[in-house]
PDB file of N, CA and C in Angstrom:
ATOM      1  N   MET A   1       0.832  -1.176   0.000  1.00  0.00           N
ATOM      2  CA  MET A   1       0.000   0.000   0.000  1.00  0.00           C
ATOM      3  C   MET A   1       0.882   1.247   0.000  1.00  0.00           C
ATOM      4  N   VAL A   2       0.515   2.234  -0.806  1.00  0.00           N
ATOM      5  CA  VAL A   2       1.299   3.457  -0.929  1.00  0.00           C
ATOM      6  C   VAL A   2       0.920   4.417   0.183  1.00  0.00           C
ATOM      7  N   ASP A   3       1.939   4.977   0.829  1.00  0.00           N
ATOM      8  CA  ASP A   3       1.713   5.979   1.866  1.00  0.00           C
ATOM      9  C   ASP A   3       1.071   7.208   1.226  1.00  0.00           C
ATOM     10  N   PRO A   4      -0.068   7.703   1.747  1.00  0.00           N
ATOM     11  CA  PRO A   4      -0.740   8.860   1.147  1.00  0.00           C
ATOM     12  C   PRO A   4       0.146  10.094   1.048  1.00  0.00           C
ATOM     13  N   ARG A   5       1.072  10.264   2.004  1.00  0.00           N
ATOM     14  CA  ARG A   5       1.969  11.423   1.928  1.00  0.00           C
ATOM     15  C   ARG A   5       2.888  11.313   0.730  1.00  0.00           C
ATOM     16  N   GLU A   6       3.344  10.088   0.413  1.00  0.00           N
ATOM     17  CA  GLU A   6       4.186   9.890  -0.760  1.00  0.00           C
ATOM     18  C   GLU A   6       3.403  10.177  -2.036  1.00  0.00           C
ATOM     19  N   ARG A   7       2.151   9.758  -2.068  1.00  0.00           N
ATOM     20  CA  ARG A   7       1.314   9.999  -3.242  1.00  0.00           C
ATOM     21  C   ARG A   7       1.113  11.508  -3.426  1.00  0.00           C
ATOM     22  N   ALA A   8       0.874  12.241  -2.344  1.00  0.00           N
ATOM     23  CA  ALA A   8       0.663  13.685  -2.439  1.00  0.00           C
ATOM     24  C   ALA A   8       1.932  14.397  -2.885  1.00  0.00           C
ATOM     25  N   ARG A   9       3.105  13.931  -2.414  1.00  0.00           N
ATOM     26  CA  ARG A   9       4.367  14.555  -2.794  1.00  0.00           C
ATOM     27  C   ARG A   9       4.654  14.406  -4.276  1.00  0.00           C
ATOM     28  N   GLY A  10       4.162  13.339  -4.895  1.00  0.00           N
ATOM     29  CA  GLY A  10       4.451  13.074  -6.293  1.00  0.00           C
ATOM     30  C   GLY A  10       3.600  13.866  -7.260  1.00  0.00           C
ATOM     31  N   LEU A  11       2.643  14.619  -6.785  1.00  0.00           N
ATOM     32  CA  LEU A  11       1.780  15.375  -7.675  1.00  0.00           C
ATOM     33  C   LEU A  11       2.488  16.617  -8.193  1.00  0.00           C
ATOM     34  N   GLY A  12       2.249  16.934  -9.446  1.00  0.00           N
ATOM     35  CA  GLY A  12       2.787  18.154 -10.019  1.00  0.00           C
ATOM     36  C   GLY A  12       1.860  19.327  -9.728  1.00  0.00           C
ATOM     37  N   PRO A  13       2.290  20.551 -10.025  1.00  0.00           N
ATOM     38  CA  PRO A  13       1.473  21.724  -9.706  1.00  0.00           C
ATOM     39  C   PRO A  13       0.101  21.686 -10.378  1.00  0.00           C
ATOM     40  N   ARG A  14       0.012  21.147 -11.584  1.00  0.00           N
ATOM     41  CA  ARG A  14      -1.277  21.096 -12.276  1.00  0.00           C
ATOM     42  C   ARG A  14      -2.143  19.938 -11.804  1.00  0.00           C
ATOM     43  N   ASP A  15      -1.538  18.953 -11.123  1.00  0.00           N
ATOM     44  CA  ASP A  15      -2.282  17.796 -10.648  1.00  0.00           C
ATOM     45  C   ASP A  15      -2.904  18.029  -9.277  1.00  0.00           C
ATOM     46  N   ARG A  16      -2.447  19.043  -8.554  1.00  0.00           N
ATOM     47  CA  ARG A  16      -2.977  19.301  -7.213  1.00  0.00           C
ATOM     48  C   ARG A  16      -4.394  19.840  -7.327  1.00  0.00           C
ATOM     49  N   MET A  17      -5.243  19.426  -6.418  1.00  0.00           N
ATOM     50  CA  MET A  17      -6.628  19.885  -6.435  1.00  0.00           C
ATOM     51  C   MET A  17      -6.697  21.286  -5.862  1.00  0.00           C
ATOM     52  N   ASP A  18      -7.400  22.167  -6.547  1.00  0.00           N
ATOM     53  CA  ASP A  18      -7.601  23.530  -6.075  1.00  0.00           C
ATOM     54  C   ASP A  18      -8.696  23.503  -5.026  1.00  0.00           C
ATOM     55  N   LEU A  19      -8.334  23.654  -3.746  1.00  0.00           N
ATOM     56  CA  LEU A  19      -9.307  23.559  -2.664  1.00  0.00           C
ATOM     57  C   LEU A  19     -10.229  24.769  -2.609  1.00  0.00           C
ATOM     58  N   SER A  20      -9.896  25.828  -3.346  1.00  0.00           N
ATOM     59  CA  SER A  20     -10.761  27.007  -3.337  1.00  0.00           C
ATOM     60  C   SER A  20     -11.961  26.841  -4.256  1.00  0.00           C
ATOM     61  N   SER A  21     -11.927  25.908  -5.180  1.00  0.00           N
ATOM     62  CA  SER A  21     -13.052  25.710  -6.101  1.00  0.00           C
ATOM     63  C   SER A  21     -14.024  24.708  -5.491  1.00  0.00           C
ATOM     64  N   SER A  22     -14.591  25.059  -4.352  1.00  0.00           N
ATOM     65  CA  SER A  22     -15.449  24.131  -3.606  1.00  0.00           C
ATOM     66  C   SER A  22     -16.690  23.740  -4.385  1.00  0.00           C
ATOM     67  N   GLY A  23     -17.084  24.498  -5.381  1.00  0.00           N
ATOM     68  CA  GLY A  23     -18.236  24.129  -6.181  1.00  0.00           C
ATOM     69  C   GLY A  23     -18.007  22.851  -6.963  1.00  0.00           C
ATOM     70  N   GLU A  24     -16.760  22.561  -7.296  1.00  0.00           N
ATOM     71  CA  GLU A  24     -16.440  21.370  -8.080  1.00  0.00           C
ATOM     72  C   GLU A  24     -16.082  20.177  -7.200  1.00  0.00           C
ATOM     73  N   ILE A  25     -15.732  20.401  -5.947  1.00  0.00           N
ATOM     74  CA  ILE A  25     -15.322  19.321  -5.058  1.00  0.00           C
ATOM     75  C   ILE A  25     -16.548  18.834  -4.299  1.00  0.00           C
ATOM     76  N   MET A  26     -16.883  17.587  -4.481  1.00  0.00           N
ATOM     77  CA  MET A  26     -18.031  17.016  -3.781  1.00  0.00           C
ATOM     78  C   MET A  26     -17.514  16.144  -2.649  1.00  0.00           C
ATOM     79  N   GLY A  27     -18.242  16.073  -1.573  1.00  0.00           N
ATOM     80  CA  GLY A  27     -17.880  15.185  -0.487  1.00  0.00           C
ATOM     81  C   GLY A  27     -17.346  15.925   0.723  1.00  0.00           C
ATOM     82  N   LYS A  28     -16.839  15.148   1.676  1.00  0.00           N
ATOM     83  CA  LYS A  28     -16.372  15.655   2.955  1.00  0.00           C
ATOM     84  C   LYS A  28     -14.993  16.292   2.822  1.00  0.00           C
ATOM     85  N   ARG A  29     -14.848  17.501   3.378  1.00  0.00           N
ATOM     86  CA  ARG A  29     -13.570  18.207   3.363  1.00  0.00           C
ATOM     87  C   ARG A  29     -13.164  18.483   4.809  1.00  0.00           C
ATOM     88  N   ILE A  30     -11.908  18.199   5.143  1.00  0.00           N
ATOM     89  CA  ILE A  30     -11.394  18.408   6.489  1.00  0.00           C
ATOM     90  C   ILE A  30     -10.077  19.172   6.382  1.00  0.00           C
ATOM     91  N   LEU A  31      -9.908  20.197   7.224  1.00  0.00           N
ATOM     92  CA  LEU A  31      -8.675  20.976   7.252  1.00  0.00           C
ATOM     93  C   LEU A  31      -8.104  20.986   8.656  1.00  0.00           C
ATOM     94  N   GLY A  32      -6.789  20.917   8.748  1.00  0.00           N
ATOM     95  CA  GLY A  32      -6.099  21.154  10.010  1.00  0.00           C
ATOM     96  C   GLY A  32      -5.548  22.570   9.943  1.00  0.00           C
ATOM     97  N   PHE A  33      -5.804  23.371  10.949  1.00  0.00           N
ATOM     98  CA  PHE A  33      -5.372  24.761  10.880  1.00  0.00           C
ATOM     99  C   PHE A  33      -4.971  25.282  12.253  1.00  0.00           C
ATOM    100  N   ARG A  34      -4.288  26.422  12.242  1.00  0.00           N
ATOM    101  CA  ARG A  34      -3.920  27.122  13.469  1.00  0.00           C
ATOM    102  C   ARG A  34      -4.470  28.543  13.352  1.00  0.00           C
ATOM    103  N   ALA A  35      -5.144  28.979  14.412  1.00  0.00           N
ATOM    104  CA  ALA A  35      -5.729  30.318  14.440  1.00  0.00           C
ATOM    105  C   ALA A  35      -5.335  31.012  15.737  1.00  0.00           C
ATOM    106  N   SER A  36      -5.400  32.335  15.735  1.00  0.00           N
ATOM    107  CA  SER A  36      -5.119  33.089  16.951  1.00  0.00           C
ATOM    108  C   SER A  36      -6.094  34.261  17.051  1.00  0.00           C
ATOM    109  N   ASP A  37      -6.032  34.965  18.163  1.00  0.00           N
ATOM    110  CA  ASP A  37      -6.876  36.135  18.413  1.00  0.00           C
ATOM    111  C   ASP A  37      -8.362  35.804  18.283  1.00  0.00           C
ATOM    112  N   LEU A  38      -8.772  34.699  18.864  1.00  0.00           N
ATOM    113  CA  LEU A  38     -10.169  34.273  18.820  1.00  0.00           C
ATOM    114  C   LEU A  38     -11.043  35.231  19.629  1.00  0.00           C
ATOM    115  N   PHE A  39     -12.163  35.640  19.029  1.00  0.00           N
ATOM    116  CA  PHE A  39     -13.108  36.489  19.767  1.00  0.00           C
ATOM    117  C   PHE A  39     -14.529  36.214  19.290  1.00  0.00           C
ATOM    118  N   ALA A  40     -15.497  36.557  20.118  1.00  0.00           N
ATOM    119  CA  ALA A  40     -16.909  36.382  19.794  1.00  0.00           C
ATOM    120  C   ALA A  40     -17.486  37.723  19.358  1.00  0.00           C
ATOM    121  N   GLU A  41     -18.349  37.678  18.341  1.00  0.00           N
ATOM    122  CA  GLU A  41     -18.986  38.887  17.851  1.00  0.00           C
ATOM    123  C   GLU A  41     -20.493  38.685  17.843  1.00  0.00           C
ATOM    124  N   ARG A  42     -21.230  39.603  18.454  1.00  0.00           N
ATOM    125  CA  ARG A  42     -22.684  39.501  18.504  1.00  0.00           C
ATOM    126  C   ARG A  42     -23.297  40.091  17.243  1.00  0.00           C
ATOM    127  N   PHE A  43     -24.436  39.528  16.827  1.00  0.00           N
ATOM    128  CA  PHE A  43     -25.186  40.065  15.701  1.00  0.00           C
ATOM    129  C   PHE A  43     -26.664  39.769  15.918  1.00  0.00           C
ATOM    130  N   THR A  44     -27.506  40.422  15.154  1.00  0.00           N
ATOM    131  CA  THR A  44     -28.944  40.214  15.236  1.00  0.00           C
ATOM    132  C   THR A  44     -29.424  39.565  13.942  1.00  0.00           C
ATOM    133  N   HIS A  45     -30.117  38.438  14.049  1.00  0.00           N
ATOM    134  CA  HIS A  45     -30.676  37.770  12.877  1.00  0.00           C
ATOM    135  C   HIS A  45     -31.699  38.689  12.222  1.00  0.00           C
ATOM    136  N   LYS A  46     -31.646  38.819  10.914  1.00  0.00           N
ATOM    137  CA  LYS A  46     -32.553  39.715  10.199  1.00  0.00           C
ATOM    138  C   LYS A  46     -33.673  38.974   9.483  1.00  0.00           C
ATOM    139  N   ASN A  47     -33.466  37.712   9.132  1.00  0.00           N
ATOM    140  CA  ASN A  47     -34.459  36.955   8.369  1.00  0.00           C
ATOM    141  C   ASN A  47     -34.754  35.621   9.040  1.00  0.00           C
ATOM    142  N   GLY A  48     -35.806  34.964   8.570  1.00  0.00           N
ATOM    143  CA  GLY A  48     -36.108  33.609   9.006  1.00  0.00           C
ATOM    144  C   GLY A  48     -36.794  33.545  10.353  1.00  0.00           C
ATOM    145  N   THR A  49     -36.810  32.345  10.922  1.00  0.00           N
ATOM    146  CA  THR A  49     -37.509  32.110  12.180  1.00  0.00           C
ATOM    147  C   THR A  49     -36.811  32.751  13.365  1.00  0.00           C
ATOM    148  N   LYS A  50     -35.536  33.085  13.221  1.00  0.00           N
ATOM    149  CA  LYS A  50     -34.777  33.704  14.323  1.00  0.00           C
ATOM    150  C   LYS A  50     -34.680  35.221  14.185  1.00  0.00           C
ATOM    151  N   ALA A  51     -35.468  35.829  13.309  1.00  0.00           N
ATOM    152  CA  ALA A  51     -35.401  37.279  13.088  1.00  0.00           C
ATOM    153  C   ALA A  51     -35.578  38.019  14.408  1.00  0.00           C
ATOM    154  N   GLY A  52     -34.670  38.958  14.654  1.00  0.00           N
ATOM    155  CA  GLY A  52     -34.717  39.751  15.871  1.00  0.00           C
ATOM    156  C   GLY A  52     -33.949  39.161  17.045  1.00  0.00           C
ATOM    157  N   GLN A  53     -33.559  37.891  16.955  1.00  0.00           N
ATOM    158  CA  GLN A  53     -32.818  37.256  18.045  1.00  0.00           C
ATOM    159  C   GLN A  53     -31.328  37.562  17.915  1.00  0.00           C
ATOM    160  N   ILE A  54     -30.661  37.554  19.052  1.00  0.00           N
ATOM    161  CA  ILE A  54     -29.219  37.784  19.092  1.00  0.00           C
ATOM    162  C   ILE A  54     -28.499  36.463  18.801  1.00  0.00           C
ATOM    163  N   GLY A  55     -27.464  36.539  17.966  1.00  0.00           N
ATOM    164  CA  GLY A  55     -26.620  35.384  17.674  1.00  0.00           C
ATOM    165  C   GLY A  55     -25.170  35.727  17.961  1.00  0.00           C
ATOM    166  N   VAL A  56     -24.326  34.713  18.007  1.00  0.00           N
ATOM    167  CA  VAL A  56     -22.899  34.921  18.267  1.00  0.00           C
ATOM    168  C   VAL A  56     -22.099  34.233  17.172  1.00  0.00           C
ATOM    169  N   SER A  57     -21.095  34.913  16.684  1.00  0.00           N
ATOM    170  CA  SER A  57     -20.200  34.371  15.675  1.00  0.00           C
ATOM    171  C   SER A  57     -18.781  34.371  16.235  1.00  0.00           C
ATOM    172  N   LEU A  58     -18.071  33.261  16.094  1.00  0.00           N
ATOM    173  CA  LEU A  58     -16.664  33.203  16.513  1.00  0.00           C
ATOM    174  C   LEU A  58     -15.782  33.601  15.339  1.00  0.00           C
ATOM    175  N   LYS A  59     -14.842  34.471  15.615  1.00  0.00           N
ATOM    176  CA  LYS A  59     -13.914  34.918  14.574  1.00  0.00           C
ATOM    177  C   LYS A  59     -12.494  34.785  15.104  1.00  0.00           C
ATOM    178  N   ALA A  60     -11.566  34.577  14.181  1.00  0.00           N
ATOM    179  CA  ALA A  60     -10.157  34.448  14.545  1.00  0.00           C
ATOM    180  C   ALA A  60      -9.299  34.791  13.337  1.00  0.00           C
ATOM    181  N   ARG A  61      -8.029  34.963  13.582  1.00  0.00           N
ATOM    182  CA  ARG A  61      -7.071  35.207  12.510  1.00  0.00           C
ATOM    183  C   ARG A  61      -6.457  33.864  12.113  1.00  0.00           C
ATOM    184  N   LEU A  62      -6.597  33.495  10.852  1.00  0.00           N
ATOM    185  CA  LEU A  62      -6.041  32.228  10.361  1.00  0.00           C
ATOM    186  C   LEU A  62      -4.540  32.395  10.157  1.00  0.00           C
ATOM    187  N   LEU A  63      -3.761  31.557  10.846  1.00  0.00           N
ATOM    188  CA  LEU A  63      -2.308  31.634  10.752  1.00  0.00           C
ATOM    189  C   LEU A  63      -1.737  30.645   9.744  1.00  0.00           C
ATOM    190  N   ARG A  64      -2.305  29.450   9.733  1.00  0.00           N
ATOM    191  CA  ARG A  64      -1.703  28.406   8.907  1.00  0.00           C
ATOM    192  C   ARG A  64      -2.696  27.282   8.661  1.00  0.00           C
ATOM    193  N   ILE A  65      -2.690  26.738   7.448  1.00  0.00           N
ATOM    194  CA  ILE A  65      -3.407  25.499   7.145  1.00  0.00           C
ATOM    195  C   ILE A  65      -2.334  24.437   7.030  1.00  0.00           C
ATOM    196  N   SER A  66      -2.365  23.432   7.911  1.00  0.00           N
ATOM    197  CA  SER A  66      -1.291  22.451   7.957  1.00  0.00           C
ATOM    198  C   SER A  66      -1.560  21.208   7.120  1.00  0.00           C
ATOM    199  N   TRP A  67      -2.816  20.826   6.946  1.00  0.00           N
ATOM    200  CA  TRP A  67      -3.139  19.661   6.129  1.00  0.00           C
ATOM    201  C   TRP A  67      -4.578  19.769   5.638  1.00  0.00           C
ATOM    202  N   ALA A  68      -4.877  19.016   4.585  1.00  0.00           N
ATOM    203  CA  ALA A  68      -6.235  19.006   4.028  1.00  0.00           C
ATOM    204  C   ALA A  68      -6.542  17.613   3.516  1.00  0.00           C
ATOM    205  N   LYS A  69      -7.797  17.203   3.652  1.00  0.00           N
ATOM    206  CA  LYS A  69      -8.265  15.924   3.113  1.00  0.00           C
ATOM    207  C   LYS A  69      -9.618  16.153   2.456  1.00  0.00           C
ATOM    208  N   VAL A  70      -9.813  15.527   1.288  1.00  0.00           N
ATOM    209  CA  VAL A  70     -11.099  15.527   0.607  1.00  0.00           C
ATOM    210  C   VAL A  70     -11.477  14.075   0.410  1.00  0.00           C
ATOM    211  N   GLU A  71     -12.624  13.676   0.959  1.00  0.00           N
ATOM    212  CA  GLU A  71     -13.078  12.284   0.908  1.00  0.00           C
ATOM    213  C   GLU A  71     -12.001  11.334   1.442  1.00  0.00           C
ATOM    214  N   GLY A  72     -11.276  11.747   2.469  1.00  0.00           N
ATOM    215  CA  GLY A  72     -10.273  10.903   3.106  1.00  0.00           C
ATOM    216  C   GLY A  72      -8.929  10.874   2.409  1.00  0.00           C
ATOM    217  N   GLN A  73      -8.805  11.533   1.251  1.00  0.00           N
ATOM    218  CA  GLN A  73      -7.546  11.549   0.506  1.00  0.00           C
ATOM    219  C   GLN A  73      -6.759  12.809   0.865  1.00  0.00           C
ATOM    220  N   PRO A  74      -5.501  12.670   1.304  1.00  0.00           N
ATOM    221  CA  PRO A  74      -4.706  13.845   1.690  1.00  0.00           C
ATOM    222  C   PRO A  74      -4.263  14.648   0.469  1.00  0.00           C
ATOM    223  N   PHE A  75      -4.145  15.954   0.648  1.00  0.00           N
ATOM    224  CA  PHE A  75      -3.663  16.845  -0.402  1.00  0.00           C
ATOM    225  C   PHE A  75      -2.533  17.681   0.160  1.00  0.00           C
ATOM    226  N   LEU A  76      -1.534  17.884  -0.659  1.00  0.00           N
ATOM    227  CA  LEU A  76      -0.350  18.642  -0.271  1.00  0.00           C
ATOM    228  C   LEU A  76      -0.700  20.119  -0.152  1.00  0.00           C
ATOM    229  N   ILE A  77      -0.302  20.748   0.929  1.00  0.00           N
ATOM    230  CA  ILE A  77      -0.516  22.170   1.148  1.00  0.00           C
ATOM    231  C   ILE A  77       0.826  22.854   1.043  1.00  0.00           C
ATOM    232  N   GLU A  78       0.961  23.749   0.070  1.00  0.00           N
ATOM    233  CA  GLU A  78       2.203  24.507  -0.100  1.00  0.00           C
ATOM    234  C   GLU A  78       2.307  25.561   0.995  1.00  0.00           C
ATOM    235  N   GLN A  79       3.416  25.612   1.688  1.00  0.00           N
ATOM    236  CA  GLN A  79       3.636  26.602   2.736  1.00  0.00           C
ATOM    237  C   GLN A  79       4.507  27.724   2.186  1.00  0.00           C
ATOM    238  N   ALA A  80       4.163  28.961   2.519  1.00  0.00           N
ATOM    239  CA  ALA A  80       4.970  30.105   2.097  1.00  0.00           C
ATOM    240  C   ALA A  80       6.308  30.073   2.836  1.00  0.00           C
ATOM    241  N   ALA A  81       7.346  30.486   2.159  1.00  0.00           N
ATOM    242  CA  ALA A  81       8.680  30.472   2.767  1.00  0.00           C
ATOM    243  C   ALA A  81       8.902  31.567   3.740  1.00  0.00           C
TER     244      ALA A  81
END
């Protein structure tokens, strides 16, 4: 059996899946990431059954995406130097 990391390393730049084109990628997507400066932000629902109710959104600064999988298959993430 081939190690998935070895398979991902062997892909060329044109063979790597563009994770930003989520409209074309079907199935389960999982990312490993690091974030900082986490904070909660309040908002008021404007539409639907919760209109007028207060909601909370968590926000953070994304520092790094360390790994990605689509349908259980690992994809190589290029890190900036």
